[in-house]
Amino acid sequence: MSAPADRAADPSASDHPPVDHPPADHPPVDRAQYGLAAVLAVVGVWTVVDSAGLGPGFADQVVRPAAFGYVIGSGLVLLALLLAVATARGDRAEGEAGEDVDLSSGTDWRTLAGLAGVLVATVALIDWLGWAVVGALLFAGAATVLGNRHWVRNLLIGAVLSVASWYGFYVGLGIPIPAGVLDGVL
């Protein structure tokens, strides 16, 4: 028999080469990465839009305050796009393989709740107490929750960092940050 006659006898035979299907063990797409990409994009767009409303700062500034928001917001949107493309291509995040991480233990909910409490307290108190005080409490509280037991040193380091960052934003960039109870002192 000839080749065409063989094909006529076998209806499953075709002129097209067989199609390669992905292996059965191909992992499904991690949809949580799409969620993270969406959050990054929303925060990035919000940062860019919110930066447009910042004042001009001081007349002698080379870089206006809004420039930082534009750069950070645009970077977040770019990262969101790159993450979405990588996820669509099948890339998956690998688990942490660091030597200081115990992958067999669960989440430390007490530490996580403590850090969340410190952040909520920071948001609630910043207008009343001001950044210099709340920033010091934020640093000291986070360091203590994470296991550091040197309270006085934590407060001193936090105070130095928060006062320096307050002056950096207020004087250096012209972005007003609440002074709170230290208004007139700083």
Protein backbone atom coordinates (compact mmCIF):
# COMPACT_ATOMS: atom_id res chain seq x y z
CA MET A 1 0.00 0.00 0.00
CA SER A 2 1.04 3.54 -0.62
CA ALA A 3 1.35 6.28 1.98
CA PRO A 4 -1.93 8.02 0.95
CA ALA A 5 -3.78 4.75 1.18
CA ASP A 6 -2.35 4.18 4.68
CA ARG A 7 -3.66 7.60 5.78
CA ALA A 8 -7.06 6.85 4.33
CA ALA A 9 -7.17 3.63 6.29
CA ASP A 10 -6.11 5.39 9.52
CA PRO A 11 -8.36 8.45 10.13
CA SER A 12 -6.22 9.65 13.09
CA ALA A 13 -3.18 10.20 10.87
CA SER A 14 -2.63 13.76 9.61
CA ASP A 15 -0.10 15.78 7.68
CA HIS A 16 0.57 17.98 10.74
CA PRO A 17 3.33 17.13 13.20
CA PRO A 18 2.24 16.14 16.70
CA VAL A 19 1.61 19.03 19.10
CA ASP A 20 3.81 19.18 22.18
CA HIS A 21 1.70 19.65 25.27
CA PRO A 22 3.20 21.06 28.45
CA PRO A 23 4.22 18.42 30.94
CA ALA A 24 1.54 17.32 33.36
CA ASP A 25 3.65 18.48 36.33
CA HIS A 26 3.64 22.13 35.09
CA PRO A 27 2.67 24.20 38.16
CA PRO A 28 -0.39 26.43 37.89
CA VAL A 29 -0.01 30.20 37.69
CA ASP A 30 0.42 31.83 41.09
CA ARG A 31 -2.52 34.25 41.10
CA ALA A 32 -1.34 35.86 44.33
CA GLN A 33 1.49 37.42 42.33
CA TYR A 34 -1.12 39.13 40.14
CA GLY A 35 -2.70 40.49 43.31
CA LEU A 36 0.66 41.83 44.47
CA ALA A 37 1.23 43.38 41.04
CA ALA A 38 -2.17 45.08 41.26
CA VAL A 39 -1.41 46.48 44.73
CA LEU A 40 1.98 47.76 43.53
CA ALA A 41 0.35 49.42 40.52
CA VAL A 42 -2.38 51.08 42.62
CA VAL A 43 0.11 52.39 45.19
CA GLY A 44 2.42 53.59 42.40
CA VAL A 45 -0.34 55.46 40.56
CA TRP A 46 -1.61 56.94 43.83
CA THR A 47 1.92 58.10 44.70
CA VAL A 48 2.36 59.82 41.33
CA VAL A 49 -1.07 61.49 41.50
CA ASP A 50 -0.57 62.57 45.11
CA SER A 51 2.88 63.97 44.31
CA ALA A 52 1.34 66.29 41.75
CA GLY A 53 -0.38 68.11 44.62
CA LEU A 54 2.80 68.87 46.56
CA GLY A 55 3.83 72.48 46.87
CA PRO A 56 6.84 73.87 45.05
CA GLY A 57 9.03 73.85 48.17
CA PHE A 58 11.66 76.55 48.44
CA ALA A 59 12.70 78.70 45.49
CA ASP A 60 16.37 77.76 45.78
CA GLN A 61 15.82 74.00 45.57
CA VAL A 62 17.28 72.22 42.59
CA VAL A 63 15.01 69.18 42.98
CA ARG A 64 11.37 69.84 43.80
CA PRO A 65 9.65 67.65 46.44
CA ALA A 66 7.29 66.11 43.88
CA ALA A 67 10.23 64.62 41.95
CA PHE A 68 10.75 61.96 44.62
CA GLY A 69 7.11 60.91 44.45
CA TYR A 70 7.26 60.73 40.67
CA VAL A 71 10.36 58.54 40.73
CA ILE A 72 9.09 56.21 43.47
CA GLY A 73 5.57 55.95 42.01
CA SER A 74 6.86 55.30 38.50
CA GLY A 75 9.24 52.67 39.86
CA LEU A 76 6.36 50.91 41.63
CA VAL A 77 4.27 50.88 38.44
CA LEU A 78 7.25 49.51 36.47
CA LEU A 79 7.81 46.77 39.07
CA ALA A 80 4.10 45.90 38.93
CA LEU A 81 4.28 45.50 35.15
CA LEU A 82 7.44 43.40 35.35
CA LEU A 83 5.89 41.16 38.02
CA ALA A 84 2.72 40.67 35.96
CA VAL A 85 4.76 39.75 32.87
CA ALA A 86 6.98 37.37 34.85
CA THR A 87 3.92 35.72 36.38
CA ALA A 88 2.28 35.33 32.96
CA ARG A 89 5.47 33.65 31.73
CA GLY A 90 5.20 31.10 34.53
CA ASP A 91 7.83 32.40 36.93
CA ARG A 92 7.15 31.48 40.53
CA ALA A 93 8.69 32.85 43.69
CA GLU A 94 10.99 30.47 45.52
CA GLY A 95 10.83 29.96 49.25
CA GLU A 96 13.41 31.66 51.41
CA ALA A 97 16.52 29.54 51.67
CA GLY A 98 18.40 31.76 54.11
CA GLU A 99 20.36 30.20 56.89
CA ASP A 100 18.60 32.28 59.54
CA VAL A 101 15.07 31.28 58.49
CA ASP A 102 13.40 28.18 59.90
CA LEU A 103 10.97 27.13 57.17
CA SER A 104 9.45 24.44 59.36
CA SER A 105 8.15 26.91 61.95
CA GLY A 106 4.94 28.82 61.45
CA THR A 107 4.25 32.54 61.53
CA ASP A 108 5.09 34.33 64.77
CA TRP A 109 1.71 35.98 65.23
CA ARG A 110 2.70 37.68 68.48
CA THR A 111 5.55 39.57 66.80
CA LEU A 112 3.40 40.37 63.78
CA ALA A 113 0.62 41.72 66.02
CA GLY A 114 3.14 43.78 68.00
CA LEU A 115 4.54 45.38 64.84
CA ALA A 116 1.03 46.07 63.56
CA GLY A 117 0.20 47.70 66.91
CA VAL A 118 3.28 49.92 66.72
CA LEU A 119 2.32 51.02 63.19
CA VAL A 120 -1.31 51.72 64.17
CA ALA A 121 -0.13 53.73 67.17
CA THR A 122 2.22 55.70 64.89
CA VAL A 123 -0.60 56.60 62.52
CA ALA A 124 -2.93 57.51 65.40
CA LEU A 125 -0.43 59.70 67.28
CA ILE A 126 1.57 61.45 64.55
CA ASP A 127 -0.64 64.55 64.25
CA TRP A 128 -0.85 65.02 68.01
CA LEU A 129 2.71 64.18 69.11
CA GLY A 130 4.52 64.96 65.84
CA TRP A 131 7.08 63.00 63.85
CA ALA A 132 10.06 63.62 66.12
CA VAL A 133 8.36 61.96 69.10
CA VAL A 134 6.37 59.33 67.20
CA GLY A 135 9.36 58.39 65.02
CA ALA A 136 11.42 57.69 68.13
CA LEU A 137 8.59 55.60 69.59
CA LEU A 138 8.21 53.78 66.25
CA PHE A 139 11.88 52.81 66.17
CA ALA A 140 12.00 51.86 69.85
CA GLY A 141 8.73 49.94 69.68
CA ALA A 142 9.68 47.99 66.56
CA ALA A 143 13.14 47.17 67.90
CA THR A 144 11.66 46.00 71.21
CA VAL A 145 8.98 43.87 69.53
CA LEU A 146 11.68 42.27 67.37
CA GLY A 147 13.64 41.27 70.48
CA ASN A 148 15.98 44.11 71.45
CA ARG A 149 15.76 44.75 75.20
CA HIS A 150 17.78 48.00 75.41
CA TRP A 151 14.87 50.42 75.78
CA VAL A 152 16.86 53.55 76.53
CA ARG A 153 19.28 52.98 73.67
CA ASN A 154 16.36 52.25 71.31
CA LEU A 155 14.68 55.52 72.29
CA LEU A 156 17.90 57.51 71.87
CA ILE A 157 18.64 56.04 68.44
CA GLY A 158 15.01 56.56 67.42
CA ALA A 159 15.10 60.17 68.62
CA VAL A 160 18.27 60.94 66.67
CA LEU A 161 16.90 59.32 63.49
CA SER A 162 13.47 60.94 63.73
CA VAL A 163 14.77 64.46 64.48
CA ALA A 164 17.35 64.15 61.68
CA SER A 165 14.70 62.95 59.21
CA TRP A 166 12.31 65.72 60.37
CA TYR A 167 14.95 68.36 59.61
CA GLY A 168 15.85 66.61 56.35
CA PHE A 169 12.28 66.76 55.10
CA TYR A 170 11.24 70.10 56.57
CA VAL A 171 14.38 72.13 56.01
CA GLY A 172 16.14 70.20 53.25
CA LEU A 173 13.16 69.35 51.03
CA GLY A 174 10.60 71.89 52.16
CA ILE A 175 8.04 69.19 52.96
CA PRO A 176 6.23 70.01 56.20
CA ILE A 177 6.04 67.11 58.63
CA PRO A 178 3.96 67.49 61.81
CA ALA A 179 5.99 68.82 64.73
CA GLY A 180 3.19 68.11 67.21
CA VAL A 181 4.05 68.86 70.82
CA LEU A 182 7.51 70.06 69.76
CA ASP A 183 6.09 72.82 67.53
CA GLY A 184 8.21 75.89 68.19
CA VAL A 185 11.04 73.82 69.65
CA LEU A 186 12.20 72.19 66.43
